[in-house]
Amino acid sequence: MATGAHQDRPGRTELGRVLISADALSSDWVPSFAAVPRSAFLPDLIWPFDMATGRSVGVSRAEEPEAWYGYADADVPIVTQWDDGEHSGKAAGRVATSSASMPSVVFRMLQALAVQPGNQVLEIGSGTGWNAALLAHRLRTENVVTIEVDEAVATTARGALERFGLPVEVVHGDGFKGYADRAPYDRIIATCGLRAIPFTWVQQCRPGGVIVAPWGTHFGNGDAVVRLVVSDDGESALGLFSGPVEFMKLRAQRLGPVVHREYVTGSVADGDETETNLVEGDFLGSGRFSPQSFALGLRVRDCVHTVADKRDGARPMWLYSLTDRSWACVMFRDGDTARVWQAGPRRLWDEAEAAYRWWEQNGKPGHDRFGLTVTAEGQAVWLDDPAHSWPL
């Protein structure tokens, strides 16, 4: 197995301490963390998310080696590809399309996977190859296979794994279909955001097997990690969500941008006007990672929401239906009653306010009280009890 001069950098040691103290890195994963540095799987040009500025910045290993290794050893997400590979140059591109996730997220998901010696694991989304390398170090190379839809990303990951001495099989293909050639699996883990978990994954998993994936709704870009256990008869998989995350979406499930003018063809005043006594802080919470945003997405089906920047004490929020051209706009104002406009067959604000009231009446549940069930008929979500589920 390859090692590098920078493997025992102080930054890696500190990162390990941070991850352990945050309960992200469990004792059984410490040897793999120590042996498999993220830096060995990153390209020379990376775009880490700078927490201070809130944006992705280009950093070259050749030009800024200390900064490059500093980010590689930090608990930050790092973009490794923009615009499906069509981007060039050091400046950030338009849409991030491949990345190395935050180490804390990586190891929390690996903990949830609860691998055992000899487990056969399928990874959906190879990315840099680091996650597959960690699994291979823990379970042996022959027990791990990873599938990647982007051929260039797959090739790069394969090369990095081979150079490091953990030549995991990297398949170029659509992970939505799983990988039947090496099924059945004991564990399946996805490193991309899902809006629907395919039943194919359940079919390719052994009874009692575990599927871990970031999952969410089109209501927003945020996800939450779900841990599903396949039933004894193999006809379903169900489990609870844990904390919020945000992943690049499975390419087969990406949602294109909503075009505002296709919904609002005239003035917002053309919609039916009402008021609401809900205030911005209650309804929007802490943003895309808030539990109410997650709950609203579960209750207001086939809907996208966008929140604009606040100006002069006012912040508009828009709702767009994905099944027709219904729309709604609520204008939150500091110290004043919010005004609402909505138009179309669906009364989207009425749906959203009812969903918020439902969330409130049920004790404002966090992500971990919600669960997901996947069957051949589709997927359903539930609060506290799978017996009281509703379809998505």
Protein backbone atom coordinates (compact mmCIF):
# COMPACT_ATOMS: atom_id res chain seq x y z
CA MET A 1 0.00 0.00 0.00
CA ALA A 2 1.36 3.38 -0.98
CA THR A 3 2.31 5.92 1.66
CA GLY A 4 3.37 9.50 1.22
CA ALA A 5 5.70 11.92 2.94
CA HIS A 6 2.71 13.94 4.03
CA GLN A 7 0.71 11.07 5.55
CA ASP A 8 1.68 11.92 9.16
CA ARG A 9 1.07 15.64 8.84
CA PRO A 10 -0.02 17.48 12.02
CA GLY A 11 -3.22 18.49 10.21
CA ARG A 12 -4.25 14.85 9.80
CA THR A 13 -3.60 14.15 13.47
CA GLU A 14 -5.72 17.13 14.46
CA LEU A 15 -8.48 16.10 12.05
CA GLY A 16 -8.52 12.67 13.67
CA ARG A 17 -8.91 14.26 17.12
CA VAL A 18 -11.74 16.47 15.88
CA LEU A 19 -13.58 13.55 14.28
CA ILE A 20 -13.20 11.34 17.36
CA SER A 21 -14.36 14.08 19.75
CA ALA A 22 -17.41 14.70 17.53
CA ASP A 23 -18.26 10.96 17.57
CA ALA A 24 -17.88 10.90 13.79
CA LEU A 25 -14.86 8.59 13.77
CA SER A 26 -15.49 5.40 15.74
CA SER A 27 -12.67 3.26 17.10
CA ASP A 28 -13.18 0.52 14.51
CA TRP A 29 -12.57 3.00 11.69
CA VAL A 30 -9.49 4.68 13.22
CA PRO A 31 -6.98 2.28 11.58
CA SER A 32 -8.46 2.95 8.12
CA PHE A 33 -8.49 6.71 8.75
CA ALA A 34 -4.82 6.53 9.76
CA ALA A 35 -3.77 4.37 6.81
CA VAL A 36 -5.80 5.97 4.00
CA PRO A 37 -5.37 9.78 3.75
CA ARG A 38 -7.88 11.75 1.71
CA SER A 39 -5.01 13.65 0.09
CA ALA A 40 -3.92 10.51 -1.81
CA PHE A 41 -7.18 10.63 -3.78
CA LEU A 42 -7.48 14.33 -4.56
CA PRO A 43 -6.47 15.92 -7.89
CA ASP A 44 -3.79 18.59 -8.07
CA LEU A 45 -6.43 21.31 -8.51
CA ILE A 46 -9.22 21.30 -5.95
CA TRP A 47 -12.03 23.66 -4.96
CA PRO A 48 -12.54 23.37 -1.19
CA PHE A 49 -15.48 25.11 0.42
CA ASP A 50 -13.99 28.00 2.37
CA MET A 51 -15.98 28.29 5.61
CA ALA A 52 -14.82 31.89 6.13
CA THR A 53 -16.04 33.21 2.78
CA GLY A 54 -18.84 30.72 2.11
CA ARG A 55 -17.63 29.89 -1.39
CA SER A 56 -15.50 27.37 -3.24
CA VAL A 57 -11.98 28.50 -4.04
CA GLY A 58 -9.48 26.97 -6.47
CA VAL A 59 -6.28 25.70 -4.82
CA SER A 60 -3.36 24.20 -6.76
CA ARG A 61 -1.02 21.73 -5.07
CA ALA A 62 1.86 22.91 -7.28
CA GLU A 63 1.32 26.58 -6.48
CA GLU A 64 0.08 26.42 -2.87
CA PRO A 65 1.13 23.08 -1.35
CA GLU A 66 0.60 24.12 2.27
CA ALA A 67 -2.90 25.42 1.59
CA TRP A 68 -3.70 22.37 -0.56
CA TYR A 69 -2.69 19.92 2.18
CA GLY A 70 -4.38 22.10 4.78
CA TYR A 71 -7.71 21.74 3.00
CA ALA A 72 -7.12 18.05 2.29
CA ASP A 73 -6.74 17.51 6.03
CA ALA A 74 -9.67 19.71 7.04
CA ASP A 75 -13.28 18.74 7.69
CA VAL A 76 -14.54 20.56 4.61
CA PRO A 77 -16.14 19.36 1.36
CA ILE A 78 -13.94 19.66 -1.72
CA VAL A 79 -15.24 19.99 -5.27
CA THR A 80 -13.19 17.96 -7.73
CA GLN A 81 -15.26 18.48 -10.90
CA TRP A 82 -17.50 21.23 -12.27
CA ASP A 83 -20.14 21.10 -14.98
CA ASP A 84 -19.79 17.37 -15.71
CA GLY A 85 -16.16 17.87 -16.69
CA GLU A 86 -16.73 20.64 -19.22
CA HIS A 87 -15.17 23.27 -16.98
CA SER A 88 -11.53 24.35 -17.16
CA GLY A 89 -9.40 26.84 -15.30
CA LYS A 90 -8.84 27.62 -11.65
CA ALA A 91 -12.00 29.65 -11.10
CA ALA A 92 -15.07 27.81 -9.84
CA GLY A 93 -17.52 26.55 -12.44
CA ARG A 94 -21.30 26.84 -12.52
CA VAL A 95 -22.46 23.53 -11.02
CA ALA A 96 -20.38 21.23 -8.82
CA THR A 97 -20.71 17.69 -10.20
CA SER A 98 -18.17 15.59 -8.26
CA SER A 99 -16.54 16.05 -4.89
CA ALA A 100 -14.80 14.64 -1.84
CA SER A 101 -17.24 14.85 1.04
CA MET A 102 -16.50 16.19 4.50
CA PRO A 103 -14.58 13.53 6.44
CA SER A 104 -17.09 13.80 9.31
CA VAL A 105 -19.93 12.93 6.93
CA VAL A 106 -17.93 10.11 5.33
CA PHE A 107 -17.19 8.40 8.63
CA ARG A 108 -20.67 8.88 10.07
CA MET A 109 -22.10 7.14 7.01
CA LEU A 110 -19.51 4.37 7.28
CA GLN A 111 -20.50 3.92 10.93
CA ALA A 112 -24.15 3.64 9.88
CA LEU A 113 -23.18 0.97 7.35
CA ALA A 114 -22.01 -1.26 10.24
CA VAL A 115 -19.82 -3.49 8.08
CA GLN A 116 -18.70 -6.89 9.32
CA PRO A 117 -15.65 -8.94 8.23
CA GLY A 118 -16.27 -10.60 4.88
CA ASN A 119 -19.16 -8.29 3.91
CA GLN A 120 -19.64 -7.69 0.20
CA VAL A 121 -20.17 -3.95 -0.39
CA LEU A 122 -21.44 -1.99 -3.39
CA GLU A 123 -20.72 1.73 -3.46
CA ILE A 124 -22.84 3.97 -5.69
CA GLY A 125 -20.74 6.93 -6.82
CA SER A 126 -16.97 6.38 -6.86
CA GLY A 127 -16.00 10.05 -6.76
CA THR A 128 -12.31 10.32 -5.89
CA GLY A 129 -12.09 6.69 -4.75
CA TRP A 130 -11.35 7.60 -1.11
CA ASN A 131 -14.53 6.11 0.32
CA ALA A 132 -13.97 2.85 -1.59
CA ALA A 133 -10.37 2.79 -0.36
CA LEU A 134 -11.48 3.12 3.26
CA LEU A 135 -13.91 0.23 2.78
CA ALA A 136 -11.27 -1.86 1.02
CA HIS A 137 -8.75 -1.27 3.80
CA ARG A 138 -11.31 -2.44 6.34
CA LEU A 139 -12.82 -5.35 4.38
CA ARG A 140 -10.18 -6.34 1.78
CA THR A 141 -10.13 -5.13 -1.79
CA GLU A 142 -11.98 -8.09 -3.29
CA ASN A 143 -15.03 -7.42 -1.11
CA VAL A 144 -15.72 -3.94 -2.49
CA VAL A 145 -17.00 -2.77 -5.86
CA THR A 146 -17.83 0.82 -6.79
CA ILE A 147 -19.82 2.16 -9.73
CA GLU A 148 -19.53 5.61 -11.28
CA VAL A 149 -21.65 7.15 -14.05
CA ASP A 150 -18.98 9.60 -15.26
CA GLU A 151 -16.33 7.77 -17.28
CA ALA A 152 -13.60 10.32 -16.60
CA VAL A 153 -14.29 10.27 -12.86
CA ALA A 154 -14.33 6.46 -12.89
CA THR A 155 -10.98 6.35 -14.70
CA THR A 156 -9.39 8.80 -12.27
CA ALA A 157 -10.72 6.92 -9.23
CA ARG A 158 -9.50 3.60 -10.64
CA GLY A 159 -6.02 5.04 -11.15
CA ALA A 160 -5.88 6.52 -7.65
CA LEU A 161 -6.95 3.22 -6.07
CA GLU A 162 -4.38 1.27 -8.06
CA ARG A 163 -1.56 3.70 -7.20
CA PHE A 164 -2.47 3.50 -3.53
CA GLY A 165 -2.37 -0.28 -3.57
CA LEU A 166 -6.09 -0.92 -3.11
CA PRO A 167 -7.21 -1.84 -6.63
CA VAL A 168 -10.98 -1.95 -6.02
CA GLU A 169 -13.07 -2.85 -9.06
CA VAL A 170 -14.39 0.44 -10.47
CA VAL A 171 -17.30 0.02 -12.86
CA HIS A 172 -18.32 2.71 -15.34
CA GLY A 173 -22.12 2.57 -15.32
CA ASP A 174 -25.39 3.91 -13.98
CA GLY A 175 -25.51 3.28 -10.25
CA PHE A 176 -29.29 3.69 -10.26
CA LYS A 177 -29.37 0.16 -11.72
CA GLY A 178 -27.00 -1.17 -9.09
CA TYR A 179 -24.48 -3.77 -10.27
CA ALA A 180 -26.01 -7.21 -10.69
CA ASP A 181 -22.75 -8.92 -11.71
CA ARG A 182 -21.53 -9.15 -8.11
CA ALA A 183 -24.84 -9.28 -6.26
CA PRO A 184 -26.04 -10.12 -3.69
CA TYR A 185 -24.45 -7.57 -1.37
CA ASP A 186 -24.42 -7.32 2.40
CA ARG A 187 -24.14 -3.55 2.27
CA ILE A 188 -24.88 -0.81 -0.27
CA ILE A 189 -23.77 2.77 0.28
CA ALA A 190 -24.53 5.76 -1.95
CA THR A 191 -22.33 8.85 -2.03
CA CYS A 192 -24.80 10.91 -4.06
CA GLY A 193 -28.14 12.45 -3.11
CA LEU A 194 -31.26 10.44 -3.96
CA ARG A 195 -34.84 11.52 -4.57
CA ALA A 196 -36.02 7.94 -5.02
CA ILE A 197 -34.19 4.81 -3.88
CA PRO A 198 -34.53 2.16 -6.61
CA PHE A 199 -36.02 -1.18 -5.60
CA THR A 200 -33.21 -2.74 -7.64
CA TRP A 201 -30.87 -1.97 -4.75
CA VAL A 202 -33.17 -3.84 -2.37
CA GLN A 203 -33.25 -6.78 -4.77
CA GLN A 204 -29.45 -6.83 -4.97
CA CYS A 205 -29.08 -6.81 -1.18
CA ARG A 206 -29.30 -9.91 1.02
CA PRO A 207 -32.14 -10.17 3.59
CA GLY A 208 -30.94 -8.28 6.64
CA GLY A 209 -28.58 -6.26 4.47
CA VAL A 210 -28.12 -2.53 4.99
CA ILE A 211 -28.50 0.37 2.54
CA VAL A 212 -27.15 3.79 3.56
CA ALA A 213 -27.88 6.78 1.36
CA PRO A 214 -28.44 10.56 1.43
CA TRP A 215 -32.12 11.09 0.57
CA GLY A 216 -34.39 14.08 0.22
CA THR A 217 -37.20 15.63 -1.81
CA HIS A 218 -37.27 18.14 -4.62
CA PHE A 219 -38.59 20.72 -2.13
CA GLY A 220 -34.97 21.68 -1.51
CA ASN A 221 -31.38 20.64 -2.18
CA GLY A 222 -30.76 19.28 1.31
CA ASP A 223 -30.67 15.58 2.11
CA ALA A 224 -30.74 13.42 5.22
CA VAL A 225 -28.91 10.12 5.67
CA VAL A 226 -31.26 7.13 5.75
CA ARG A 227 -30.31 3.66 6.96
CA LEU A 228 -32.52 0.94 5.51
CA VAL A 229 -32.55 -2.72 6.53
CA VAL A 230 -33.79 -5.26 3.97
CA SER A 231 -36.65 -7.45 5.24
CA ASP A 232 -36.27 -11.19 5.71
CA ASP A 233 -38.42 -11.86 2.64
CA GLY A 234 -36.51 -9.31 0.54
CA GLU A 235 -39.73 -7.54 -0.40
CA SER A 236 -38.97 -4.24 1.33
CA ALA A 237 -36.38 -2.16 3.13
CA LEU A 238 -37.10 0.37 5.83
CA GLY A 239 -35.34 2.51 8.41
CA LEU A 240 -34.88 5.88 10.05
CA PHE A 241 -33.16 9.05 8.97
CA SER A 242 -30.31 10.64 10.89
CA GLY A 243 -28.82 14.10 10.53
CA PRO A 244 -29.03 16.44 7.55
CA VAL A 245 -26.40 16.47 4.81
CA GLU A 246 -26.13 17.78 1.27
CA PHE A 247 -24.79 15.70 -1.60
CA MET A 248 -24.56 16.14 -5.35
CA LYS A 249 -27.55 14.41 -6.79
CA LEU A 250 -27.61 11.10 -8.65
CA ARG A 251 -27.46 12.24 -12.26
CA ALA A 252 -30.51 10.21 -13.26
CA GLN A 253 -32.51 12.14 -10.64
CA ARG A 254 -31.22 15.66 -11.10
CA LEU A 255 -33.87 18.33 -11.30
CA GLY A 256 -33.34 21.04 -13.89
CA PRO A 257 -33.66 24.68 -12.89
CA VAL A 258 -37.16 26.05 -12.41
CA VAL A 259 -37.85 28.79 -14.97
CA HIS A 260 -39.80 31.45 -13.10
CA ARG A 261 -41.36 33.09 -16.16
CA GLU A 262 -42.94 29.78 -17.18
CA TYR A 263 -44.98 29.99 -13.98
CA VAL A 264 -45.53 33.71 -13.40
CA THR A 265 -46.35 35.06 -16.84
CA GLY A 266 -47.54 38.44 -15.63
CA SER A 267 -47.35 40.14 -12.24
CA VAL A 268 -47.31 38.44 -8.85
CA ALA A 269 -50.38 40.56 -8.14
CA ASP A 270 -52.27 38.38 -10.63
CA GLY A 271 -52.37 35.67 -7.99
CA ASP A 272 -55.01 35.43 -5.27
CA GLU A 273 -53.84 37.53 -2.32
CA THR A 274 -54.17 36.51 1.33
CA GLU A 275 -52.17 36.87 4.55
CA THR A 276 -50.53 34.49 7.00
CA ASN A 277 -49.55 34.92 10.63
CA LEU A 278 -46.55 32.64 10.19
CA VAL A 279 -43.28 34.52 10.52
CA GLU A 280 -40.02 33.98 8.69
CA GLY A 281 -38.04 32.58 11.61
CA ASP A 282 -40.64 29.93 12.42
CA PHE A 283 -41.37 28.81 8.89
CA LEU A 284 -37.87 28.88 7.40
CA GLY A 285 -35.96 27.93 10.54
CA SER A 286 -32.25 27.56 10.00
CA GLY A 287 -32.50 27.18 6.23
CA ARG A 288 -32.13 24.15 3.99
CA PHE A 289 -30.92 21.92 6.83
CA SER A 290 -33.78 22.79 9.17
CA PRO A 291 -36.12 19.97 10.30
CA GLN A 292 -39.17 21.96 9.20
CA SER A 293 -37.81 22.26 5.66
CA PHE A 294 -37.30 18.49 5.58
CA ALA A 295 -40.80 17.89 6.95
CA LEU A 296 -42.39 20.30 4.47
CA GLY A 297 -40.76 18.42 1.61
CA LEU A 298 -42.30 15.19 2.90
CA ARG A 299 -45.78 16.69 3.12
CA VAL A 300 -45.89 19.03 0.09
CA ARG A 301 -45.28 16.62 -2.77
CA ASP A 302 -43.80 17.52 -6.16
CA CYS A 303 -42.89 21.04 -5.19
CA VAL A 304 -39.74 23.20 -5.27
CA HIS A 305 -39.18 26.15 -2.99
CA THR A 306 -36.68 28.96 -3.28
CA VAL A 307 -35.84 31.63 -0.72
CA ALA A 308 -34.48 34.98 -1.89
CA ASP A 309 -32.05 37.24 -0.07
CA LYS A 310 -33.52 39.66 2.44
CA ARG A 311 -33.70 43.30 1.36
CA ASP A 312 -34.97 46.20 3.45
CA GLY A 313 -36.45 43.79 5.99
CA ALA A 314 -38.36 41.76 3.39
CA ARG A 315 -37.70 38.22 2.19
CA PRO A 316 -39.77 36.49 -0.52
CA MET A 317 -40.18 32.72 -0.69
CA TRP A 318 -41.47 31.05 -3.84
CA LEU A 319 -43.18 27.68 -4.30
CA TYR A 320 -43.40 26.00 -7.73
CA SER A 321 -45.41 22.87 -8.53
CA LEU A 322 -43.69 20.13 -10.54
CA THR A 323 -46.99 18.66 -11.74
CA ASP A 324 -48.52 21.81 -13.25
CA ARG A 325 -47.84 25.55 -13.36
CA SER A 326 -49.20 26.37 -9.92
CA TRP A 327 -47.11 28.80 -7.91
CA ALA A 328 -47.17 30.74 -4.65
CA CYS A 329 -45.18 33.60 -3.17
CA VAL A 330 -45.06 34.66 0.47
CA MET A 331 -43.41 37.95 1.41
CA PHE A 332 -42.08 37.86 4.95
CA ARG A 333 -41.52 41.32 6.44
CA ASP A 334 -39.86 42.15 9.73
CA GLY A 335 -42.48 43.29 12.22
CA ASP A 336 -45.38 42.93 9.81
CA THR A 337 -47.89 40.33 8.65
CA ALA A 338 -46.68 38.28 5.69
CA ARG A 339 -48.59 38.65 2.44
CA VAL A 340 -49.27 35.67 0.18
CA TRP A 341 -50.07 35.33 -3.52
CA GLN A 342 -50.89 32.01 -5.18
CA ALA A 343 -52.24 30.86 -8.52
CA GLY A 344 -53.02 27.64 -10.36
CA PRO A 345 -54.95 24.44 -9.62
CA ARG A 346 -52.84 23.72 -6.54
CA ARG A 347 -52.99 26.16 -3.63
CA LEU A 348 -49.35 25.67 -2.80
CA TRP A 349 -49.17 28.08 0.12
CA ASP A 350 -52.23 26.46 1.69
CA GLU A 351 -50.48 23.09 1.34
CA ALA A 352 -47.25 24.45 2.83
CA GLU A 353 -48.95 26.16 5.76
CA ALA A 354 -50.96 23.00 6.51
CA ALA A 355 -47.73 20.99 6.41
CA TYR A 356 -46.08 23.39 8.84
CA ARG A 357 -49.03 23.20 11.21
CA TRP A 358 -48.87 19.37 11.02
CA TRP A 359 -45.16 19.49 11.89
CA GLU A 360 -45.87 21.85 14.77
CA GLN A 361 -48.76 19.75 16.13
CA ASN A 362 -46.54 16.65 16.12
CA GLY A 363 -43.99 18.24 18.41
CA LYS A 364 -41.69 19.74 15.75
CA PRO A 365 -39.95 16.42 15.04
CA GLY A 366 -36.34 16.35 13.92
CA HIS A 367 -34.94 14.25 11.07
CA ASP A 368 -34.45 11.22 13.31
CA ARG A 369 -38.18 10.71 13.95
CA PHE A 370 -38.88 10.24 10.25
CA GLY A 371 -38.40 7.00 8.35
CA LEU A 372 -38.55 5.61 4.83
CA THR A 373 -39.92 2.36 3.39
CA VAL A 374 -38.96 1.14 -0.09
CA THR A 375 -40.93 -1.57 -1.92
CA ALA A 376 -41.49 -2.64 -5.52
CA GLU A 377 -44.48 -0.26 -5.57
CA GLY A 378 -42.42 2.79 -4.62
CA GLN A 379 -41.41 4.58 -1.47
CA ALA A 380 -43.33 5.89 1.53
CA VAL A 381 -42.33 8.02 4.50
CA TRP A 382 -43.53 7.94 8.09
CA LEU A 383 -43.26 9.64 11.44
CA ASP A 384 -42.33 7.37 14.36
CA ASP A 385 -44.26 4.32 13.11
CA PRO A 386 -43.97 2.59 9.69
CA ALA A 387 -47.61 1.54 10.03
CA HIS A 388 -48.68 5.17 9.55
CA SER A 389 -46.89 5.99 6.31
CA TRP A 390 -47.84 8.05 3.28
CA PRO A 391 -46.59 7.59 -0.29
CA LEU A 392 -44.28 9.94 -2.15
